[in-house]
PDB file of N, CA and C in Angstrom:
ATOM      1  N   MET A   1      99.256  35.451 -20.881  1.00  0.00           N
ATOM      2  CA  MET A   1      98.663  35.313 -22.199  1.00  0.00           C
ATOM      3  C   MET A   1      97.791  36.495 -22.500  1.00  0.00           C
ATOM      4  N   SER A   2      97.885  36.993 -23.696  1.00  0.00           N
ATOM      5  CA  SER A   2      97.079  38.136 -24.049  1.00  0.00           C
ATOM      6  C   SER A   2      95.667  37.776 -24.433  1.00  0.00           C
ATOM      7  N   PHE A   3      94.749  38.730 -24.409  1.00  0.00           N
ATOM      8  CA  PHE A   3      93.392  38.472 -24.830  1.00  0.00           C
ATOM      9  C   PHE A   3      93.352  37.972 -26.274  1.00  0.00           C
ATOM     10  N   ARG A   4      94.201  38.594 -27.102  1.00  0.00           N
ATOM     11  CA  ARG A   4      94.227  38.225 -28.521  1.00  0.00           C
ATOM     12  C   ARG A   4      94.582  36.772 -28.713  1.00  0.00           C
ATOM     13  N   SER A   5      95.584  36.306 -27.973  1.00  0.00           N
ATOM     14  CA  SER A   5      95.980  34.875 -28.077  1.00  0.00           C
ATOM     15  C   SER A   5      94.787  34.003 -27.581  1.00  0.00           C
ATOM     16  N   ALA A   6      94.165  34.361 -26.529  1.00  0.00           N
ATOM     17  CA  ALA A   6      93.075  33.564 -26.026  1.00  0.00           C
ATOM     18  C   ALA A   6      91.892  33.590 -26.992  1.00  0.00           C
ATOM     19  N   ALA A   7      91.554  34.737 -27.537  1.00  0.00           N
ATOM     20  CA  ALA A   7      90.442  34.833 -28.466  1.00  0.00           C
ATOM     21  C   ALA A   7      90.726  34.036 -29.724  1.00  0.00           C
ATOM     22  N   MET A   8      91.940  34.037 -30.207  1.00  0.00           N
ATOM     23  CA  MET A   8      92.271  33.332 -31.434  1.00  0.00           C
ATOM     24  C   MET A   8      92.200  31.828 -31.199  1.00  0.00           C
ATOM     25  N   SER A   9      92.269  31.372 -29.959  1.00  0.00           N
ATOM     26  CA  SER A   9      92.239  29.974 -29.677  1.00  0.00           C
ATOM     27  C   SER A   9      90.823  29.453 -29.588  1.00  0.00           C
ATOM     28  N   ARG A  10      89.848  30.367 -29.503  1.00  0.00           N
ATOM     29  CA  ARG A  10      88.462  29.935 -29.423  1.00  0.00           C
ATOM     30  C   ARG A  10      87.987  29.401 -30.782  1.00  0.00           C
ATOM     31  N   PRO A  11      87.262  28.285 -30.796  1.00  0.00           N
ATOM     32  CA  PRO A  11      86.817  27.748 -32.088  1.00  0.00           C
ATOM     33  C   PRO A  11      85.497  28.304 -32.536  1.00  0.00           C
ATOM     34  N   ILE A  12      85.091  29.498 -32.044  1.00  0.00           N
ATOM     35  CA  ILE A  12      83.784  30.068 -32.441  1.00  0.00           C
ATOM     36  C   ILE A  12      84.007  31.478 -32.968  1.00  0.00           C
ATOM     37  N   GLY A  13      83.046  32.001 -33.714  1.00  0.00           N
ATOM     38  CA  GLY A  13      83.118  33.336 -34.248  1.00  0.00           C
ATOM     39  C   GLY A  13      84.202  33.483 -35.302  1.00  0.00           C
ATOM     40  N   SER A  14      84.826  34.676 -35.354  1.00  0.00           N
ATOM     41  CA  SER A  14      85.837  34.920 -36.329  1.00  0.00           C
ATOM     42  C   SER A  14      87.183  34.332 -35.943  1.00  0.00           C
ATOM     43  N   ALA A  15      87.311  33.941 -34.692  1.00  0.00           N
ATOM     44  CA  ALA A  15      88.576  33.318 -34.241  1.00  0.00           C
ATOM     45  C   ALA A  15      88.515  31.841 -34.581  1.00  0.00           C
ATOM     46  N   CYS A  16      89.375  31.428 -35.491  1.00  0.00           N
ATOM     47  CA  CYS A  16      89.319  30.082 -36.018  1.00  0.00           C
ATOM     48  C   CYS A  16      90.156  29.089 -35.215  1.00  0.00           C
ATOM     49  N   GLY A  17      90.948  29.529 -34.276  1.00  0.00           N
ATOM     50  CA  GLY A  17      91.725  28.605 -33.492  1.00  0.00           C
ATOM     51  C   GLY A  17      93.057  28.240 -34.085  1.00  0.00           C
ATOM     52  N   TRP A  18      93.645  29.093 -34.909  1.00  0.00           N
ATOM     53  CA  TRP A  18      94.929  28.815 -35.542  1.00  0.00           C
ATOM     54  C   TRP A  18      96.037  29.461 -34.734  1.00  0.00           C
ATOM     55  N   SER A  19      97.264  28.976 -34.939  1.00  0.00           N
ATOM     56  CA  SER A  19      98.419  29.546 -34.291  1.00  0.00           C
ATOM     57  C   SER A  19      99.518  29.753 -35.364  1.00  0.00           C
ATOM     58  N   HIS A  20     100.443  30.589 -35.070  1.00  0.00           N
ATOM     59  CA  HIS A  20     101.515  30.915 -36.003  1.00  0.00           C
ATOM     60  C   HIS A  20     102.737  30.088 -35.715  1.00  0.00           C
ATOM     61  N   PHE A  21     103.030  29.107 -36.548  1.00  0.00           N
ATOM     62  CA  PHE A  21     104.175  28.218 -36.349  1.00  0.00           C
ATOM     63  C   PHE A  21     105.310  28.511 -37.364  1.00  0.00           C
ATOM     64  N   ALA A  22     105.178  29.526 -38.171  1.00  0.00           N
ATOM     65  CA  ALA A  22     106.172  29.784 -39.214  1.00  0.00           C
ATOM     66  C   ALA A  22     107.220  30.792 -38.769  1.00  0.00           C
ATOM     67  N   ALA A  23     107.783  30.600 -37.554  1.00  0.00           N
ATOM     68  CA  ALA A  23     108.771  31.493 -37.020  1.00  0.00           C
ATOM     69  C   ALA A  23     110.146  31.170 -37.654  1.00  0.00           C
ATOM     70  N   PRO A  24     110.934  32.170 -37.952  1.00  0.00           N
ATOM     71  CA  PRO A  24     112.227  31.921 -38.580  1.00  0.00           C
ATOM     72  C   PRO A  24     113.245  31.340 -37.559  1.00  0.00           C
ATOM     73  N   ALA A  25     114.291  30.694 -38.107  1.00  0.00           N
ATOM     74  CA  ALA A  25     115.318  30.091 -37.253  1.00  0.00           C
ATOM     75  C   ALA A  25     116.109  31.226 -36.643  1.00  0.00           C
ATOM     76  N   ARG A  26     116.543  31.099 -35.380  1.00  0.00           N
ATOM     77  CA  ARG A  26     117.255  32.144 -34.683  1.00  0.00           C
ATOM     78  C   ARG A  26     118.763  31.776 -34.489  1.00  0.00           C
ATOM     79  N   ARG A  27     119.086  30.534 -34.665  1.00  0.00           N
ATOM     80  CA  ARG A  27     120.474  30.154 -34.553  1.00  0.00           C
ATOM     81  C   ARG A  27     120.801  29.000 -35.477  1.00  0.00           C
ATOM     82  N   GLY A  28     122.071  28.675 -35.574  1.00  0.00           N
ATOM     83  CA  GLY A  28     122.490  27.721 -36.596  1.00  0.00           C
ATOM     84  C   GLY A  28     122.613  26.277 -36.060  1.00  0.00           C
ATOM     85  N   ALA A  29     122.056  25.895 -34.951  1.00  0.00           N
ATOM     86  CA  ALA A  29     122.206  24.541 -34.454  1.00  0.00           C
ATOM     87  C   ALA A  29     120.991  23.740 -34.890  1.00  0.00           C
ATOM     88  N   PHE A  30     121.240  22.817 -35.811  1.00  0.00           N
ATOM     89  CA  PHE A  30     120.142  22.040 -36.384  1.00  0.00           C
ATOM     90  C   PHE A  30     120.424  20.532 -36.278  1.00  0.00           C
ATOM     91  N   THR A  31     121.018  20.114 -35.180  1.00  0.00           N
ATOM     92  CA  THR A  31     121.212  18.660 -34.978  1.00  0.00           C
ATOM     93  C   THR A  31     119.883  18.054 -34.608  1.00  0.00           C
ATOM     94  N   VAL A  32     119.828  16.765 -34.719  1.00  0.00           N
ATOM     95  CA  VAL A  32     118.567  16.051 -34.418  1.00  0.00           C
ATOM     96  C   VAL A  32     118.168  16.319 -32.965  1.00  0.00           C
ATOM     97  N   ASN A  33     119.122  16.291 -32.058  1.00  0.00           N
ATOM     98  CA  ASN A  33     118.806  16.571 -30.661  1.00  0.00           C
ATOM     99  C   ASN A  33     118.296  17.966 -30.427  1.00  0.00           C
ATOM    100  N   ASP A  34     118.857  18.973 -31.137  1.00  0.00           N
ATOM    101  CA  ASP A  34     118.397  20.345 -31.003  1.00  0.00           C
ATOM    102  C   ASP A  34     116.957  20.474 -31.506  1.00  0.00           C
ATOM    103  N   LEU A  35     116.674  19.814 -32.660  1.00  0.00           N
ATOM    104  CA  LEU A  35     115.325  19.910 -33.239  1.00  0.00           C
ATOM    105  C   LEU A  35     114.317  19.178 -32.329  1.00  0.00           C
ATOM    106  N   ALA A  36     114.708  18.075 -31.776  1.00  0.00           N
ATOM    107  CA  ALA A  36     113.764  17.323 -30.897  1.00  0.00           C
ATOM    108  C   ALA A  36     113.493  18.113 -29.634  1.00  0.00           C
ATOM    109  N   ARG A  37     114.511  18.692 -29.058  1.00  0.00           N
ATOM    110  CA  ARG A  37     114.352  19.479 -27.864  1.00  0.00           C
ATOM    111  C   ARG A  37     113.472  20.744 -28.137  1.00  0.00           C
ATOM    112  N   ALA A  38     113.699  21.383 -29.235  1.00  0.00           N
ATOM    113  CA  ALA A  38     112.921  22.561 -29.586  1.00  0.00           C
ATOM    114  C   ALA A  38     111.473  22.208 -29.802  1.00  0.00           C
ATOM    115  N   HIS A  39     111.242  21.072 -30.473  1.00  0.00           N
ATOM    116  CA  HIS A  39     109.875  20.626 -30.686  1.00  0.00           C
ATOM    117  C   HIS A  39     109.170  20.305 -29.347  1.00  0.00           C
ATOM    118  N   GLU A  40     109.903  19.629 -28.478  1.00  0.00           N
ATOM    119  CA  GLU A  40     109.357  19.288 -27.161  1.00  0.00           C
ATOM    120  C   GLU A  40     109.023  20.525 -26.334  1.00  0.00           C
ATOM    121  N   ASP A  41     109.943  21.482 -26.355  1.00  0.00           N
ATOM    122  CA  ASP A  41     109.679  22.717 -25.585  1.00  0.00           C
ATOM    123  C   ASP A  41     108.510  23.538 -26.207  1.00  0.00           C
ATOM    124  N   GLY A  42     108.441  23.545 -27.511  1.00  0.00           N
ATOM    125  CA  GLY A  42     107.335  24.271 -28.193  1.00  0.00           C
ATOM    126  C   GLY A  42     105.993  23.634 -27.850  1.00  0.00           C
ATOM    127  N   MET A  43     105.930  22.304 -27.868  1.00  0.00           N
ATOM    128  CA  MET A  43     104.649  21.643 -27.592  1.00  0.00           C
ATOM    129  C   MET A  43     104.319  21.791 -26.104  1.00  0.00           C
ATOM    130  N   ASP A  44     105.267  21.819 -25.207  1.00  0.00           N
ATOM    131  CA  ASP A  44     104.975  22.080 -23.763  1.00  0.00           C
ATOM    132  C   ASP A  44     104.431  23.492 -23.613  1.00  0.00           C
ATOM    133  N   SER A  45     104.989  24.437 -24.276  1.00  0.00           N
ATOM    134  CA  SER A  45     104.487  25.826 -24.181  1.00  0.00           C
ATOM    135  C   SER A  45     103.078  25.946 -24.767  1.00  0.00           C
ATOM    136  N   PHE A  46     102.861  25.272 -25.868  1.00  0.00           N
ATOM    137  CA  PHE A  46     101.537  25.305 -26.502  1.00  0.00           C
ATOM    138  C   PHE A  46     100.487  24.641 -25.599  1.00  0.00           C
ATOM    139  N   ALA A  47     100.846  23.525 -24.963  1.00  0.00           N
ATOM    140  CA  ALA A  47      99.923  22.873 -24.049  1.00  0.00           C
ATOM    141  C   ALA A  47      99.596  23.721 -22.829  1.00  0.00           C
ATOM    142  N   ARG A  48     100.605  24.450 -22.290  1.00  0.00           N
ATOM    143  CA  ARG A  48     100.348  25.361 -21.196  1.00  0.00           C
ATOM    144  C   ARG A  48      99.407  26.455 -21.606  1.00  0.00           C
ATOM    145  N   ASP A  49      99.587  26.976 -22.796  1.00  0.00           N
ATOM    146  CA  ASP A  49      98.720  28.053 -23.310  1.00  0.00           C
ATOM    147  C   ASP A  49      97.309  27.537 -23.457  1.00  0.00           C
ATOM    148  N   LEU A  50      97.148  26.332 -23.995  1.00  0.00           N
ATOM    149  CA  LEU A  50      95.796  25.812 -24.134  1.00  0.00           C
ATOM    150  C   LEU A  50      95.104  25.603 -22.776  1.00  0.00           C
ATOM    151  N   LYS A  51      95.863  25.176 -21.785  1.00  0.00           N
ATOM    152  CA  LYS A  51      95.245  25.055 -20.421  1.00  0.00           C
ATOM    153  C   LYS A  51      94.842  26.452 -19.866  1.00  0.00           C
ATOM    154  N   ASP A  52      95.666  27.465 -20.154  1.00  0.00           N
ATOM    155  CA  ASP A  52      95.312  28.825 -19.713  1.00  0.00           C
ATOM    156  C   ASP A  52      94.072  29.317 -20.444  1.00  0.00           C
ATOM    157  N   VAL A  53      93.982  29.044 -21.761  1.00  0.00           N
ATOM    158  CA  VAL A  53      92.837  29.456 -22.521  1.00  0.00           C
ATOM    159  C   VAL A  53      91.568  28.745 -21.970  1.00  0.00           C
ATOM    160  N   ARG A  54      91.640  27.497 -21.690  1.00  0.00           N
ATOM    161  CA  ARG A  54      90.507  26.727 -21.171  1.00  0.00           C
ATOM    162  C   ARG A  54      90.052  27.327 -19.842  1.00  0.00           C
ATOM    163  N   ARG A  55      91.016  27.710 -19.019  1.00  0.00           N
ATOM    164  CA  ARG A  55      90.698  28.316 -17.720  1.00  0.00           C
ATOM    165  C   ARG A  55      89.962  29.632 -17.927  1.00  0.00           C
ATOM    166  N   LEU A  56      90.473  30.491 -18.845  1.00  0.00           N
ATOM    167  CA  LEU A  56      89.845  31.746 -19.135  1.00  0.00           C
ATOM    168  C   LEU A  56      88.423  31.601 -19.684  1.00  0.00           C
ATOM    169  N   ILE A  57      88.255  30.591 -20.509  1.00  0.00           N
ATOM    170  CA  ILE A  57      86.908  30.361 -21.099  1.00  0.00           C
ATOM    171  C   ILE A  57      85.997  29.864 -20.016  1.00  0.00           C
ATOM    172  N   ASP A  58      86.436  28.940 -19.185  1.00  0.00           N
ATOM    173  CA  ASP A  58      85.601  28.410 -18.104  1.00  0.00           C
ATOM    174  C   ASP A  58      85.215  29.502 -17.076  1.00  0.00           C
ATOM    175  N   GLU A  59      86.116  30.409 -16.796  1.00  0.00           N
ATOM    176  CA  GLU A  59      85.793  31.495 -15.864  1.00  0.00           C
ATOM    177  C   GLU A  59      84.954  32.609 -16.467  1.00  0.00           C
ATOM    178  N   GLY A  60      84.791  32.578 -17.785  1.00  0.00           N
ATOM    179  CA  GLY A  60      83.992  33.598 -18.426  1.00  0.00           C
ATOM    180  C   GLY A  60      84.749  34.880 -18.709  1.00  0.00           C
ATOM    181  N   GLU A  61      86.037  34.850 -18.514  1.00  0.00           N
ATOM    182  CA  GLU A  61      86.858  36.102 -18.656  1.00  0.00           C
ATOM    183  C   GLU A  61      86.855  36.609 -20.093  1.00  0.00           C
ATOM    184  N   ILE A  62      86.999  35.672 -21.075  1.00  0.00           N
ATOM    185  CA  ILE A  62      87.049  36.084 -22.468  1.00  0.00           C
ATOM    186  C   ILE A  62      85.684  36.711 -22.902  1.00  0.00           C
ATOM    187  N   GLU A  63      84.603  36.118 -22.486  1.00  0.00           N
ATOM    188  CA  GLU A  63      83.292  36.656 -22.823  1.00  0.00           C
ATOM    189  C   GLU A  63      83.070  38.042 -22.228  1.00  0.00           C
ATOM    190  N   SER A  64      83.539  38.247 -20.992  1.00  0.00           N
ATOM    191  CA  SER A  64      83.334  39.580 -20.380  1.00  0.00           C
ATOM    192  C   SER A  64      84.189  40.638 -21.070  1.00  0.00           C
ATOM    193  N   ILE A  65      85.394  40.272 -21.470  1.00  0.00           N
ATOM    194  CA  ILE A  65      86.246  41.236 -22.191  1.00  0.00           C
ATOM    195  C   ILE A  65      85.628  41.529 -23.592  1.00  0.00           C
ATOM    196  N   ASP A  66      85.091  40.494 -24.207  1.00  0.00           N
ATOM    197  CA  ASP A  66      84.427  40.647 -25.506  1.00  0.00           C
ATOM    198  C   ASP A  66      83.205  41.544 -25.419  1.00  0.00           C
ATOM    199  N   ARG A  67      82.388  41.290 -24.408  1.00  0.00           N
ATOM    200  CA  ARG A  67      81.193  42.130 -24.177  1.00  0.00           C
ATOM    201  C   ARG A  67      81.542  43.591 -23.931  1.00  0.00           C
ATOM    202  N   GLU A  68      82.582  43.790 -23.148  1.00  0.00           N
ATOM    203  CA  GLU A  68      83.047  45.140 -22.839  1.00  0.00           C
ATOM    204  C   GLU A  68      83.547  45.861 -24.101  1.00  0.00           C
ATOM    205  N   ARG A  69      84.271  45.156 -24.992  1.00  0.00           N
ATOM    206  CA  ARG A  69      84.758  45.720 -26.227  1.00  0.00           C
ATOM    207  C   ARG A  69      83.609  46.091 -27.166  1.00  0.00           C
ATOM    208  N   ARG A  70      82.539  45.299 -27.174  1.00  0.00           N
ATOM    209  CA  ARG A  70      81.483  45.531 -28.132  1.00  0.00           C
ATOM    210  C   ARG A  70      80.289  46.263 -27.509  1.00  0.00           C
ATOM    211  N   ALA A  71      80.400  46.753 -26.295  1.00  0.00           N
ATOM    212  CA  ALA A  71      79.264  47.423 -25.622  1.00  0.00           C
ATOM    213  C   ALA A  71      78.773  48.644 -26.402  1.00  0.00           C
ATOM    214  N   SER A  72      79.660  49.364 -27.084  1.00  0.00           N
ATOM    215  CA  SER A  72      79.214  50.523 -27.789  1.00  0.00           C
ATOM    216  C   SER A  72      78.353  50.224 -29.015  1.00  0.00           C
ATOM    217  N   TRP A  73      78.366  48.942 -29.437  1.00  0.00           N
ATOM    218  CA  TRP A  73      77.589  48.553 -30.585  1.00  0.00           C
ATOM    219  C   TRP A  73      76.131  48.189 -30.240  1.00  0.00           C
ATOM    220  N   GLU A  74      75.777  48.280 -28.953  1.00  0.00           N
ATOM    221  CA  GLU A  74      74.470  47.891 -28.513  1.00  0.00           C
ATOM    222  C   GLU A  74      73.531  49.062 -28.288  1.00  0.00           C
ATOM    223  N   SER A  75      73.962  50.276 -28.687  1.00  0.00           N
ATOM    224  CA  SER A  75      73.080  51.425 -28.522  1.00  0.00           C
ATOM    225  C   SER A  75      73.421  52.520 -29.529  1.00  0.00           C
ATOM    226  N   GLY A  76      72.498  53.412 -29.730  1.00  0.00           N
ATOM    227  CA  GLY A  76      72.775  54.601 -30.622  1.00  0.00           C
ATOM    228  C   GLY A  76      72.925  54.241 -32.059  1.00  0.00           C
ATOM    229  N   VAL A  77      73.770  55.046 -32.744  1.00  0.00           N
ATOM    230  CA  VAL A  77      73.964  54.898 -34.160  1.00  0.00           C
ATOM    231  C   VAL A  77      74.579  53.539 -34.519  1.00  0.00           C
ATOM    232  N   ALA A  78      75.512  53.084 -33.639  1.00  0.00           N
ATOM    233  CA  ALA A  78      76.144  51.791 -33.950  1.00  0.00           C
ATOM    234  C   ALA A  78      75.101  50.649 -33.953  1.00  0.00           C
ATOM    235  N   GLU A  79      74.135  50.719 -33.088  1.00  0.00           N
ATOM    236  CA  GLU A  79      73.114  49.691 -33.052  1.00  0.00           C
ATOM    237  C   GLU A  79      72.268  49.715 -34.368  1.00  0.00           C
ATOM    238  N   SER A  80      71.929  50.906 -34.793  1.00  0.00           N
ATOM    239  CA  SER A  80      71.129  50.995 -36.024  1.00  0.00           C
ATOM    240  C   SER A  80      71.959  50.591 -37.258  1.00  0.00           C
ATOM    241  N   ILE A  81      73.283  50.809 -37.223  1.00  0.00           N
ATOM    242  CA  ILE A  81      74.127  50.329 -38.346  1.00  0.00           C
ATOM    243  C   ILE A  81      74.132  48.795 -38.342  1.00  0.00           C
ATOM    244  N   SER A  82      74.368  48.207 -37.211  1.00  0.00           N
ATOM    245  CA  SER A  82      74.408  46.732 -37.130  1.00  0.00           C
ATOM    246  C   SER A  82      73.043  46.082 -37.459  1.00  0.00           C
ATOM    247  N   ASP A  83      71.944  46.841 -37.177  1.00  0.00           N
ATOM    248  CA  ASP A  83      70.629  46.311 -37.539  1.00  0.00           C
ATOM    249  C   ASP A  83      70.287  46.507 -39.002  1.00  0.00           C
ATOM    250  N   GLY A  84      71.138  47.297 -39.690  1.00  0.00           N
ATOM    251  CA  GLY A  84      70.874  47.515 -41.148  1.00  0.00           C
ATOM    252  C   GLY A  84      69.965  48.701 -41.398  1.00  0.00           C
ATOM    253  N   ASP A  85      69.735  49.527 -40.413  1.00  0.00           N
ATOM    254  CA  ASP A  85      68.771  50.664 -40.593  1.00  0.00           C
ATOM    255  C   ASP A  85      69.444  51.917 -41.149  1.00  0.00           C
ATOM    256  N   GLU A  86      70.752  51.937 -41.228  1.00  0.00           N
ATOM    257  CA  GLU A  86      71.495  53.079 -41.713  1.00  0.00           C
ATOM    258  C   GLU A  86      72.185  52.775 -43.047  1.00  0.00           C
ATOM    259  N   ASP A  87      72.354  53.823 -43.881  1.00  0.00           N
ATOM    260  CA  ASP A  87      73.152  53.719 -45.071  1.00  0.00           C
ATOM    261  C   ASP A  87      74.134  54.887 -45.131  1.00  0.00           C
ATOM    262  N   PHE A  88      74.966  54.973 -46.175  1.00  0.00           N
ATOM    263  CA  PHE A  88      75.957  56.015 -46.228  1.00  0.00           C
ATOM    264  C   PHE A  88      75.340  57.432 -46.210  1.00  0.00           C
ATOM    265  N   SER A  89      74.233  57.583 -46.904  1.00  0.00           N
ATOM    266  CA  SER A  89      73.625  58.894 -47.001  1.00  0.00           C
ATOM    267  C   SER A  89      73.102  59.385 -45.663  1.00  0.00           C
ATOM    268  N   SER A  90      72.596  58.451 -44.827  1.00  0.00           N
ATOM    269  CA  SER A  90      72.070  58.844 -43.522  1.00  0.00           C
ATOM    270  C   SER A  90      73.171  59.139 -42.536  1.00  0.00           C
ATOM    271  N   LEU A  91      74.368  58.674 -42.796  1.00  0.00           N
ATOM    272  CA  LEU A  91      75.489  58.891 -41.862  1.00  0.00           C
ATOM    273  C   LEU A  91      76.322  60.100 -42.201  1.00  0.00           C
ATOM    274  N   GLU A  92      76.104  60.667 -43.412  1.00  0.00           N
ATOM    275  CA  GLU A  92      76.827  61.884 -43.785  1.00  0.00           C
ATOM    276  C   GLU A  92      76.355  63.092 -42.980  1.00  0.00           C
ATOM    277  N   PRO A  93      77.257  64.029 -42.611  1.00  0.00           N
ATOM    278  CA  PRO A  93      76.804  65.197 -41.852  1.00  0.00           C
ATOM    279  C   PRO A  93      75.962  66.156 -42.658  1.00  0.00           C
TER     280      PRO A  93
END
């Protein structure tokens, strides 16, 4: 599972916890049995992903990746931008 998938599953911050279920059909078999089996397989995959996300959250893996990604915003010009101390004129060369 990618970091993006895990982060999107978190119900906090900008990640709202949504998933993309609007995938197009790949073949022409649309019998009741085919649809039921596809639904069952999809829900099994989704449940496995949720378990993986829960494990990553519990182990703190997502938070450490997130902190690493945002580390540059905690010092220098980026910090003053996020604090609101900078404007466009102060950032021009």
